[in-house]
């Protein structure tokens, strides 16, 4: 796992990460994994969630800047 990595849209697919998280949850809920693997997969899912959160925060910042720019232009 890579910690503190800034996620960019060039090497990141939000939808793919969400699908991976869904798959991990499904495998855990189905009881398909040994206990040690459950913890490993859970840690992976948490990391993916952090990456998704970082990606969404960056996109929100971009949207805020665009809205601010539009408001400045209309003033």
Protein backbone atom coordinates (compact mmCIF):
# COMPACT_ATOMS: atom_id res chain seq x y z
CA UNK A 1 0.00 0.00 0.00
CA UNK A 2 1.16 3.48 -0.82
CA UNK A 3 0.54 5.98 1.96
CA UNK A 4 0.17 9.70 1.40
CA UNK A 5 0.16 9.36 -2.38
CA UNK A 6 -1.57 12.24 -4.09
CA UNK A 7 -4.13 10.80 -6.46
CA UNK A 8 -4.43 12.36 -9.90
CA UNK A 9 -7.01 11.64 -12.55
CA UNK A 10 -4.21 10.58 -14.93
CA UNK A 11 -3.57 7.34 -13.04
CA UNK A 12 -6.81 6.95 -11.12
CA UNK A 13 -10.26 5.63 -11.93
CA UNK A 14 -12.76 6.44 -9.21
CA UNK A 15 -15.26 3.99 -10.61
CA UNK A 16 -12.67 1.20 -10.75
CA UNK A 17 -11.68 1.79 -7.11
CA UNK A 18 -15.32 1.77 -6.02
CA UNK A 19 -15.82 -1.51 -7.90
CA UNK A 20 -12.74 -2.96 -6.15
CA UNK A 21 -14.12 -1.85 -2.77
CA UNK A 22 -17.49 -3.42 -3.58
CA UNK A 23 -15.74 -6.66 -4.55
CA UNK A 24 -13.76 -6.72 -1.31
CA UNK A 25 -16.91 -6.14 0.73
CA UNK A 26 -18.74 -8.88 -1.16
CA UNK A 27 -15.91 -11.38 -0.54
CA UNK A 28 -15.75 -10.50 3.14
CA UNK A 29 -19.53 -10.75 3.55
CA UNK A 30 -19.64 -14.06 1.67
CA UNK A 31 -17.10 -15.55 4.06
CA UNK A 32 -14.81 -16.52 1.19
CA UNK A 33 -11.63 -15.35 2.94
CA UNK A 34 -9.47 -16.63 5.76
CA UNK A 35 -9.33 -14.31 8.78
CA UNK A 36 -5.86 -12.98 7.96
CA UNK A 37 -6.94 -12.22 4.41
CA UNK A 38 -10.04 -10.43 5.73
CA UNK A 39 -7.79 -8.00 7.58
CA UNK A 40 -5.53 -7.55 4.56
CA UNK A 41 -8.47 -6.92 2.26
CA UNK A 42 -10.06 -4.58 4.79
CA UNK A 43 -6.82 -2.57 4.95
CA UNK A 44 -6.76 -2.43 1.15
CA UNK A 45 -10.37 -1.20 1.07
CA UNK A 46 -9.57 1.50 3.62
CA UNK A 47 -6.63 2.67 1.48
CA UNK A 48 -8.85 2.74 -1.62
CA UNK A 49 -11.43 4.77 0.31
CA UNK A 50 -8.73 7.27 1.28
CA UNK A 51 -7.68 7.53 -2.36
CA UNK A 52 -11.30 8.09 -3.41
CA UNK A 53 -11.72 10.75 -0.74
CA UNK A 54 -8.56 12.52 -1.90
CA UNK A 55 -9.70 12.36 -5.53
CA UNK A 56 -13.13 13.78 -4.67
CA UNK A 57 -11.62 16.54 -2.52
CA UNK A 58 -9.37 17.59 -5.42
CA UNK A 59 -12.31 17.63 -7.81
CA UNK A 60 -14.38 19.65 -5.32
CA UNK A 61 -11.54 22.17 -5.13
CA UNK A 62 -11.55 22.44 -8.92
CA UNK A 63 -15.31 23.00 -8.93
CA UNK A 64 -15.02 25.67 -6.23
CA UNK A 65 -12.36 27.49 -8.26
CA UNK A 66 -14.51 27.36 -11.39
CA UNK A 67 -17.54 28.70 -9.51
CA UNK A 68 -15.42 31.49 -8.02
CA UNK A 69 -14.11 32.36 -11.47
CA UNK A 70 -17.63 32.52 -12.87
CA UNK A 71 -18.78 34.72 -10.01
CA UNK A 72 -15.82 37.07 -10.49
CA UNK A 73 -16.56 37.33 -14.23
CA UNK A 74 -20.21 38.16 -13.65
CA UNK A 75 -19.44 40.92 -11.10
